[in-house]
Amino acid sequence: MSVFEPMTPRFLTLTDVAETLNISAAQTYALVRSGELRAIKVGGRGQWRVEATELEKYISSAYEQTAEFVSTHPFGRDESPEETN
């Protein structure tokens, strides 16, 4: 790695995670509080941090769950995209 290349941070704020996933901060907080996305609380004020590797695991798991859903719920001719939401 060159000295001019920025290092990827090990821990991300919930805002960073929200931006990466293109969701709201409230949705990110809900993922963390439910345990769906592993995180830690740090410091005296208990700020949440998500390790970058945990975010990658979450994304991989979401891809697997989506693939399973798609394979068990085929998109039929009578079904429009609006009806699946």
PDB file of N, CA and C in Angstrom:
ATOM      1  N   MET A   1       0.843  -1.172   0.000  1.00  0.00           N
ATOM      2  CA  MET A   1       0.000   0.000   0.000  1.00  0.00           C
ATOM      3  C   MET A   1       0.886   1.231   0.000  1.00  0.00           C
ATOM      4  N   SER A   2       0.554   2.193  -0.803  1.00  0.00           N
ATOM      5  CA  SER A   2       1.279   3.452  -0.878  1.00  0.00           C
ATOM      6  C   SER A   2       0.941   4.299   0.351  1.00  0.00           C
ATOM      7  N   VAL A   3       1.864   5.164   0.734  1.00  0.00           N
ATOM      8  CA  VAL A   3       1.610   6.047   1.870  1.00  0.00           C
ATOM      9  C   VAL A   3       0.512   7.059   1.562  1.00  0.00           C
ATOM     10  N   PHE A   4       0.160   7.214   0.290  1.00  0.00           N
ATOM     11  CA  PHE A   4      -0.855   8.172  -0.109  1.00  0.00           C
ATOM     12  C   PHE A   4      -2.250   7.572  -0.209  1.00  0.00           C
ATOM     13  N   GLU A   5      -2.359   6.248  -0.122  1.00  0.00           N
ATOM     14  CA  GLU A   5      -3.665   5.601  -0.190  1.00  0.00           C
ATOM     15  C   GLU A   5      -4.321   5.643   1.189  1.00  0.00           C
ATOM     16  N   PRO A   6      -5.583   6.097   1.263  1.00  0.00           N
ATOM     17  CA  PRO A   6      -6.250   6.138   2.563  1.00  0.00           C
ATOM     18  C   PRO A   6      -6.545   4.724   3.070  1.00  0.00           C
ATOM     19  N   MET A   7      -6.373   4.537   4.357  1.00  0.00           N
ATOM     20  CA  MET A   7      -6.697   3.245   4.965  1.00  0.00           C
ATOM     21  C   MET A   7      -8.200   3.138   5.151  1.00  0.00           C
ATOM     22  N   THR A   8      -8.729   1.966   4.941  1.00  0.00           N
ATOM     23  CA  THR A   8     -10.124   1.725   5.230  1.00  0.00           C
ATOM     24  C   THR A   8     -10.258   1.612   6.744  1.00  0.00           C
ATOM     25  N   PRO A   9     -11.181   2.371   7.333  1.00  0.00           N
ATOM     26  CA  PRO A   9     -11.316   2.297   8.783  1.00  0.00           C
ATOM     27  C   PRO A   9     -11.834   0.930   9.218  1.00  0.00           C
ATOM     28  N   ARG A  10     -11.366   0.465  10.367  1.00  0.00           N
ATOM     29  CA  ARG A  10     -11.821  -0.824  10.880  1.00  0.00           C
ATOM     30  C   ARG A  10     -13.263  -0.728  11.353  1.00  0.00           C
ATOM     31  N   PHE A  11     -13.610   0.383  11.998  1.00  0.00           N
ATOM     32  CA  PHE A  11     -14.957   0.561  12.546  1.00  0.00           C
ATOM     33  C   PHE A  11     -15.674   1.700  11.842  1.00  0.00           C
ATOM     34  N   LEU A  12     -16.965   1.506  11.646  1.00  0.00           N
ATOM     35  CA  LEU A  12     -17.808   2.485  10.969  1.00  0.00           C
ATOM     36  C   LEU A  12     -18.876   2.990  11.929  1.00  0.00           C
ATOM     37  N   THR A  13     -19.260   4.237  11.764  1.00  0.00           N
ATOM     38  CA  THR A  13     -20.383   4.776  12.524  1.00  0.00           C
ATOM     39  C   THR A  13     -21.680   4.252  11.907  1.00  0.00           C
ATOM     40  N   LEU A  14     -22.781   4.403  12.632  1.00  0.00           N
ATOM     41  CA  LEU A  14     -24.066   3.994  12.068  1.00  0.00           C
ATOM     42  C   LEU A  14     -24.411   4.849  10.849  1.00  0.00           C
ATOM     43  N   THR A  15     -23.962   6.086  10.837  1.00  0.00           N
ATOM     44  CA  THR A  15     -24.183   6.952   9.672  1.00  0.00           C
ATOM     45  C   THR A  15     -23.424   6.417   8.461  1.00  0.00           C
ATOM     46  N   ASP A  16     -22.180   5.974   8.690  1.00  0.00           N
ATOM     47  CA  ASP A  16     -21.395   5.381   7.600  1.00  0.00           C
ATOM     48  C   ASP A  16     -22.100   4.152   7.034  1.00  0.00           C
ATOM     49  N   VAL A  17     -22.598   3.304   7.939  1.00  0.00           N
ATOM     50  CA  VAL A  17     -23.285   2.077   7.521  1.00  0.00           C
ATOM     51  C   VAL A  17     -24.553   2.430   6.748  1.00  0.00           C
ATOM     52  N   ALA A  18     -25.301   3.400   7.246  1.00  0.00           N
ATOM     53  CA  ALA A  18     -26.529   3.823   6.568  1.00  0.00           C
ATOM     54  C   ALA A  18     -26.237   4.301   5.154  1.00  0.00           C
ATOM     55  N   GLU A  19     -25.166   5.078   4.999  1.00  0.00           N
ATOM     56  CA  GLU A  19     -24.790   5.564   3.668  1.00  0.00           C
ATOM     57  C   GLU A  19     -24.376   4.420   2.762  1.00  0.00           C
ATOM     58  N   THR A  20     -23.635   3.458   3.290  1.00  0.00           N
ATOM     59  CA  THR A  20     -23.187   2.315   2.493  1.00  0.00           C
ATOM     60  C   THR A  20     -24.372   1.494   2.002  1.00  0.00           C
ATOM     61  N   LEU A  21     -25.341   1.255   2.890  1.00  0.00           N
ATOM     62  CA  LEU A  21     -26.501   0.440   2.534  1.00  0.00           C
ATOM     63  C   LEU A  21     -27.617   1.254   1.882  1.00  0.00           C
ATOM     64  N   ASN A  22     -27.446   2.577   1.839  1.00  0.00           N
ATOM     65  CA  ASN A  22     -28.459   3.480   1.288  1.00  0.00           C
ATOM     66  C   ASN A  22     -29.793   3.320   2.019  1.00  0.00           C
ATOM     67  N   ILE A  23     -29.710   3.321   3.357  1.00  0.00           N
ATOM     68  CA  ILE A  23     -30.895   3.263   4.212  1.00  0.00           C
ATOM     69  C   ILE A  23     -30.790   4.390   5.228  1.00  0.00           C
ATOM     70  N   SER A  24     -31.833   4.577   6.010  1.00  0.00           N
ATOM     71  CA  SER A  24     -31.820   5.641   7.013  1.00  0.00           C
ATOM     72  C   SER A  24     -31.005   5.231   8.239  1.00  0.00           C
ATOM     73  N   ALA A  25     -30.615   6.225   9.010  1.00  0.00           N
ATOM     74  CA  ALA A  25     -29.902   5.959  10.257  1.00  0.00           C
ATOM     75  C   ALA A  25     -30.796   5.163  11.211  1.00  0.00           C
ATOM     76  N   ALA A  26     -32.095   5.443  11.205  1.00  0.00           N
ATOM     77  CA  ALA A  26     -33.031   4.713  12.071  1.00  0.00           C
ATOM     78  C   ALA A  26     -33.094   3.234  11.678  1.00  0.00           C
ATOM     79  N   GLN A  27     -33.084   2.947  10.388  1.00  0.00           N
ATOM     80  CA  GLN A  27     -33.087   1.556   9.940  1.00  0.00           C
ATOM     81  C   GLN A  27     -31.796   0.859  10.348  1.00  0.00           C
ATOM     82  N   THR A  28     -30.684   1.576  10.263  1.00  0.00           N
ATOM     83  CA  THR A  28     -29.401   1.008  10.676  1.00  0.00           C
ATOM     84  C   THR A  28     -29.416   0.699  12.164  1.00  0.00           C
ATOM     85  N   TYR A  29     -29.915   1.632  12.962  1.00  0.00           N
ATOM     86  CA  TYR A  29     -30.012   1.432  14.407  1.00  0.00           C
ATOM     87  C   TYR A  29     -30.886   0.212  14.716  1.00  0.00           C
ATOM     88  N   ALA A  30     -31.984   0.060  13.992  1.00  0.00           N
ATOM     89  CA  ALA A  30     -32.871  -1.086  14.198  1.00  0.00           C
ATOM     90  C   ALA A  30     -32.155  -2.400  13.871  1.00  0.00           C
ATOM     91  N   LEU A  31     -31.358  -2.424  12.818  1.00  0.00           N
ATOM     92  CA  LEU A  31     -30.586  -3.625  12.467  1.00  0.00           C
ATOM     93  C   LEU A  31     -29.621  -3.996  13.586  1.00  0.00           C
ATOM     94  N   VAL A  32     -28.978  -2.984  14.160  1.00  0.00           N
ATOM     95  CA  VAL A  32     -28.020  -3.212  15.246  1.00  0.00           C
ATOM     96  C   VAL A  32     -28.736  -3.667  16.511  1.00  0.00           C
ATOM     97  N   ARG A  33     -29.801  -2.976  16.880  1.00  0.00           N
ATOM     98  CA  ARG A  33     -30.526  -3.309  18.112  1.00  0.00           C
ATOM     99  C   ARG A  33     -31.183  -4.676  18.053  1.00  0.00           C
ATOM    100  N   SER A  34     -31.578  -5.113  16.860  1.00  0.00           N
ATOM    101  CA  SER A  34     -32.203  -6.432  16.711  1.00  0.00           C
ATOM    102  C   SER A  34     -31.163  -7.551  16.719  1.00  0.00           C
ATOM    103  N   GLY A  35     -29.890  -7.183  16.554  1.00  0.00           N
ATOM    104  CA  GLY A  35     -28.830  -8.181  16.492  1.00  0.00           C
ATOM    105  C   GLY A  35     -28.586  -8.711  15.094  1.00  0.00           C
ATOM    106  N   GLU A  36     -29.352  -8.224  14.141  1.00  0.00           N
ATOM    107  CA  GLU A  36     -29.192  -8.658  12.757  1.00  0.00           C
ATOM    108  C   GLU A  36     -27.831  -8.227  12.192  1.00  0.00           C
ATOM    109  N   LEU A  37     -27.370  -7.059  12.634  1.00  0.00           N
ATOM    110  CA  LEU A  37     -26.059  -6.534  12.258  1.00  0.00           C
ATOM    111  C   LEU A  37     -25.262  -6.353  13.545  1.00  0.00           C
ATOM    112  N   ARG A  38     -24.182  -7.104  13.677  1.00  0.00           N
ATOM    113  CA  ARG A  38     -23.375  -7.047  14.896  1.00  0.00           C
ATOM    114  C   ARG A  38     -22.654  -5.719  15.011  1.00  0.00           C
ATOM    115  N   ALA A  39     -22.652  -5.182  16.229  1.00  0.00           N
ATOM    116  CA  ALA A  39     -21.993  -3.906  16.503  1.00  0.00           C
ATOM    117  C   ALA A  39     -21.533  -3.898  17.956  1.00  0.00           C
ATOM    118  N   ILE A  40     -20.739  -2.889  18.287  1.00  0.00           N
ATOM    119  CA  ILE A  40     -20.297  -2.708  19.664  1.00  0.00           C
ATOM    120  C   ILE A  40     -20.621  -1.290  20.106  1.00  0.00           C
ATOM    121  N   LYS A  41     -20.732  -1.110  21.419  1.00  0.00           N
ATOM    122  CA  LYS A  41     -20.893   0.226  21.993  1.00  0.00           C
ATOM    123  C   LYS A  41     -19.554   0.602  22.597  1.00  0.00           C
ATOM    124  N   VAL A  42     -19.094   1.810  22.295  1.00  0.00           N
ATOM    125  CA  VAL A  42     -17.796   2.257  22.798  1.00  0.00           C
ATOM    126  C   VAL A  42     -17.923   3.620  23.473  1.00  0.00           C
ATOM    127  N   GLY A  43     -17.000   3.869  24.364  1.00  0.00           N
ATOM    128  CA  GLY A  43     -16.928   5.176  25.008  1.00  0.00           C
ATOM    129  C   GLY A  43     -17.966   5.377  26.089  1.00  0.00           C
ATOM    130  N   GLY A  44     -17.804   6.464  26.819  1.00  0.00           N
ATOM    131  CA  GLY A  44     -18.687   6.798  27.933  1.00  0.00           C
ATOM    132  C   GLY A  44     -20.122   7.048  27.525  1.00  0.00           C
ATOM    133  N   ARG A  45     -20.312   7.547  26.320  1.00  0.00           N
ATOM    134  CA  ARG A  45     -21.677   7.808  25.843  1.00  0.00           C
ATOM    135  C   ARG A  45     -22.256   6.626  25.076  1.00  0.00           C
ATOM    136  N   GLY A  46     -21.503   5.545  24.972  1.00  0.00           N
ATOM    137  CA  GLY A  46     -22.007   4.330  24.335  1.00  0.00           C
ATOM    138  C   GLY A  46     -22.360   4.499  22.875  1.00  0.00           C
ATOM    139  N   GLN A  47     -21.444   5.050  22.099  1.00  0.00           N
ATOM    140  CA  GLN A  47     -21.699   5.216  20.670  1.00  0.00           C
ATOM    141  C   GLN A  47     -21.500   3.883  19.955  1.00  0.00           C
ATOM    142  N   TRP A  48     -22.388   3.599  19.016  1.00  0.00           N
ATOM    143  CA  TRP A  48     -22.340   2.343  18.270  1.00  0.00           C
ATOM    144  C   TRP A  48     -21.288   2.409  17.174  1.00  0.00           C
ATOM    145  N   ARG A  49     -20.592   1.275  16.995  1.00  0.00           N
ATOM    146  CA  ARG A  49     -19.642   1.120  15.900  1.00  0.00           C
ATOM    147  C   ARG A  49     -19.811  -0.269  15.307  1.00  0.00           C
ATOM    148  N   VAL A  50     -19.729  -0.328  13.992  1.00  0.00           N
ATOM    149  CA  VAL A  50     -19.846  -1.590  13.263  1.00  0.00           C
ATOM    150  C   VAL A  50     -18.504  -1.863  12.599  1.00  0.00           C
ATOM    151  N   GLU A  51     -17.951  -3.027  12.866  1.00  0.00           N
ATOM    152  CA  GLU A  51     -16.688  -3.389  12.236  1.00  0.00           C
ATOM    153  C   GLU A  51     -16.946  -3.622  10.745  1.00  0.00           C
ATOM    154  N   ALA A  52     -16.055  -3.139   9.906  1.00  0.00           N
ATOM    155  CA  ALA A  52     -16.225  -3.247   8.456  1.00  0.00           C
ATOM    156  C   ALA A  52     -16.435  -4.698   8.028  1.00  0.00           C
ATOM    157  N   THR A  53     -15.739  -5.635   8.675  1.00  0.00           N
ATOM    158  CA  THR A  53     -15.901  -7.050   8.315  1.00  0.00           C
ATOM    159  C   THR A  53     -17.301  -7.547   8.667  1.00  0.00           C
ATOM    160  N   GLU A  54     -17.889  -7.030   9.750  1.00  0.00           N
ATOM    161  CA  GLU A  54     -19.258  -7.424  10.124  1.00  0.00           C
ATOM    162  C   GLU A  54     -20.264  -6.891   9.111  1.00  0.00           C
ATOM    163  N   LEU A  55     -20.021  -5.696   8.599  1.00  0.00           N
ATOM    164  CA  LEU A  55     -20.903  -5.155   7.564  1.00  0.00           C
ATOM    165  C   LEU A  55     -20.826  -6.019   6.313  1.00  0.00           C
ATOM    166  N   GLU A  56     -19.624  -6.443   5.938  1.00  0.00           N
ATOM    167  CA  GLU A  56     -19.469  -7.311   4.768  1.00  0.00           C
ATOM    168  C   GLU A  56     -20.170  -8.647   4.979  1.00  0.00           C
ATOM    169  N   LYS A  57     -20.087  -9.205   6.185  1.00  0.00           N
ATOM    170  CA  LYS A  57     -20.796 -10.454   6.496  1.00  0.00           C
ATOM    171  C   LYS A  57     -22.301 -10.260   6.365  1.00  0.00           C
ATOM    172  N   TYR A  58     -22.798  -9.134   6.871  1.00  0.00           N
ATOM    173  CA  TYR A  58     -24.221  -8.833   6.783  1.00  0.00           C
ATOM    174  C   TYR A  58     -24.666  -8.750   5.323  1.00  0.00           C
ATOM    175  N   ILE A  59     -23.883  -8.071   4.504  1.00  0.00           N
ATOM    176  CA  ILE A  59     -24.214  -7.932   3.086  1.00  0.00           C
ATOM    177  C   ILE A  59     -24.212  -9.304   2.401  1.00  0.00           C
ATOM    178  N   SER A  60     -23.219 -10.124   2.680  1.00  0.00           N
ATOM    179  CA  SER A  60     -23.155 -11.477   2.097  1.00  0.00           C
ATOM    180  C   SER A  60     -24.362 -12.296   2.507  1.00  0.00           C
ATOM    181  N   SER A  61     -24.724 -12.202   3.782  1.00  0.00           N
ATOM    182  CA  SER A  61     -25.888 -12.935   4.286  1.00  0.00           C
ATOM    183  C   SER A  61     -27.168 -12.451   3.603  1.00  0.00           C
ATOM    184  N   ALA A  62     -27.273 -11.145   3.393  1.00  0.00           N
ATOM    185  CA  ALA A  62     -28.455 -10.594   2.722  1.00  0.00           C
ATOM    186  C   ALA A  62     -28.561 -11.109   1.286  1.00  0.00           C
ATOM    187  N   TYR A  63     -27.419 -11.224   0.608  1.00  0.00           N
ATOM    188  CA  TYR A  63     -27.426 -11.801  -0.744  1.00  0.00           C
ATOM    189  C   TYR A  63     -27.906 -13.251  -0.706  1.00  0.00           C
ATOM    190  N   GLU A  64     -27.429 -14.027   0.260  1.00  0.00           N
ATOM    191  CA  GLU A  64     -27.842 -15.433   0.377  1.00  0.00           C
ATOM    192  C   GLU A  64     -29.332 -15.540   0.671  1.00  0.00           C
ATOM    193  N   GLN A  65     -29.834 -14.716   1.592  1.00  0.00           N
ATOM    194  CA  GLN A  65     -31.257 -14.742   1.920  1.00  0.00           C
ATOM    195  C   GLN A  65     -32.107 -14.331   0.729  1.00  0.00           C
ATOM    196  N   THR A  66     -31.643 -13.349  -0.019  1.00  0.00           N
ATOM    197  CA  THR A  66     -32.375 -12.898  -1.195  1.00  0.00           C
ATOM    198  C   THR A  66     -32.401 -13.985  -2.263  1.00  0.00           C
ATOM    199  N   ALA A  67     -31.274 -14.645  -2.473  1.00  0.00           N
ATOM    200  CA  ALA A  67     -31.223 -15.727  -3.463  1.00  0.00           C
ATOM    201  C   ALA A  67     -32.169 -16.858  -3.073  1.00  0.00           C
ATOM    202  N   GLU A  68     -32.216 -17.183  -1.786  1.00  0.00           N
ATOM    203  CA  GLU A  68     -33.134 -18.227  -1.316  1.00  0.00           C
ATOM    204  C   GLU A  68     -34.582 -17.809  -1.526  1.00  0.00           C
ATOM    205  N   PHE A  69     -34.891 -16.552  -1.212  1.00  0.00           N
ATOM    206  CA  PHE A  69     -36.242 -16.044  -1.409  1.00  0.00           C
ATOM    207  C   PHE A  69     -36.637 -16.117  -2.879  1.00  0.00           C
ATOM    208  N   VAL A  70     -35.748 -15.664  -3.748  1.00  0.00           N
ATOM    209  CA  VAL A  70     -36.036 -15.653  -5.182  1.00  0.00           C
ATOM    210  C   VAL A  70     -36.257 -17.073  -5.697  1.00  0.00           C
ATOM    211  N   SER A  71     -35.449 -18.023  -5.214  1.00  0.00           N
ATOM    212  CA  SER A  71     -35.595 -19.404  -5.698  1.00  0.00           C
ATOM    213  C   SER A  71     -36.876 -20.062  -5.194  1.00  0.00           C
ATOM    214  N   THR A  72     -37.380 -19.643  -4.037  1.00  0.00           N
ATOM    215  CA  THR A  72     -38.595 -20.252  -3.492  1.00  0.00           C
ATOM    216  C   THR A  72     -39.855 -19.467  -3.823  1.00  0.00           C
ATOM    217  N   HIS A  73     -39.692 -18.257  -4.359  1.00  0.00           N
ATOM    218  CA  HIS A  73     -40.827 -17.420  -4.743  1.00  0.00           C
ATOM    219  C   HIS A  73     -40.622 -16.932  -6.175  1.00  0.00           C
ATOM    220  N   PRO A  74     -40.815 -17.821  -7.143  1.00  0.00           N
ATOM    221  CA  PRO A  74     -40.582 -17.419  -8.533  1.00  0.00           C
ATOM    222  C   PRO A  74     -41.504 -16.278  -8.948  1.00  0.00           C
ATOM    223  N   PHE A  75     -40.978 -15.429  -9.783  1.00  0.00           N
ATOM    224  CA  PHE A  75     -41.715 -14.280 -10.283  1.00  0.00           C
ATOM    225  C   PHE A  75     -42.652 -14.748 -11.380  1.00  0.00           C
ATOM    226  N   GLY A  76     -43.954 -14.726 -11.107  1.00  0.00           N
ATOM    227  CA  GLY A  76     -44.946 -15.217 -12.060  1.00  0.00           C
ATOM    228  C   GLY A  76     -45.411 -14.159 -13.023  1.00  0.00           C
ATOM    229  N   ARG A  77     -46.035 -14.604 -14.089  1.00  0.00           N
ATOM    230  CA  ARG A  77     -46.544 -13.671 -15.098  1.00  0.00           C
ATOM    231  C   ARG A  77     -47.648 -12.789 -14.551  1.00  0.00           C
ATOM    232  N   ASP A  78     -48.444 -13.309 -13.615  1.00  0.00           N
ATOM    233  CA  ASP A  78     -49.563 -12.543 -13.081  1.00  0.00           C
ATOM    234  C   ASP A  78     -49.136 -11.575 -11.973  1.00  0.00           C
ATOM    235  N   GLU A  79     -47.880 -11.658 -11.583  1.00  0.00           N
ATOM    236  CA  GLU A  79     -47.378 -10.845 -10.481  1.00  0.00           C
ATOM    237  C   GLU A  79     -46.569  -9.673 -11.022  1.00  0.00           C
ATOM    238  N   SER A  80     -46.923  -8.466 -10.596  1.00  0.00           N
ATOM    239  CA  SER A  80     -46.170  -7.293 -11.025  1.00  0.00           C
ATOM    240  C   SER A  80     -45.208  -6.895  -9.926  1.00  0.00           C
ATOM    241  N   PRO A  81     -44.152  -6.136 -10.225  1.00  0.00           N
ATOM    242  CA  PRO A  81     -43.185  -5.724  -9.215  1.00  0.00           C
ATOM    243  C   PRO A  81     -43.824  -4.968  -8.043  1.00  0.00           C
ATOM    244  N   GLU A  82     -44.871  -4.186  -8.285  1.00  0.00           N
ATOM    245  CA  GLU A  82     -45.521  -3.429  -7.217  1.00  0.00           C
ATOM    246  C   GLU A  82     -46.177  -4.363  -6.204  1.00  0.00           C
ATOM    247  N   GLU A  83     -46.651  -5.519  -6.663  1.00  0.00           N
ATOM    248  CA  GLU A  83     -47.339  -6.449  -5.774  1.00  0.00           C
ATOM    249  C   GLU A  83     -46.376  -7.188  -4.856  1.00  0.00           C
ATOM    250  N   THR A  84     -45.096  -7.208  -5.167  1.00  0.00           N
ATOM    251  CA  THR A  84     -44.133  -7.957  -4.372  1.00  0.00           C
ATOM    252  C   THR A  84     -43.567  -7.130  -3.233  1.00  0.00           C
ATOM    253  N   ASN A  85     -43.829  -5.836  -3.193  1.00  0.00           N
ATOM    254  CA  ASN A  85     -43.284  -4.978  -2.134  1.00  0.00           C
ATOM    255  C   ASN A  85     -44.131  -4.989  -0.917  1.00  0.00           C
TER     256      ASN A  85
END
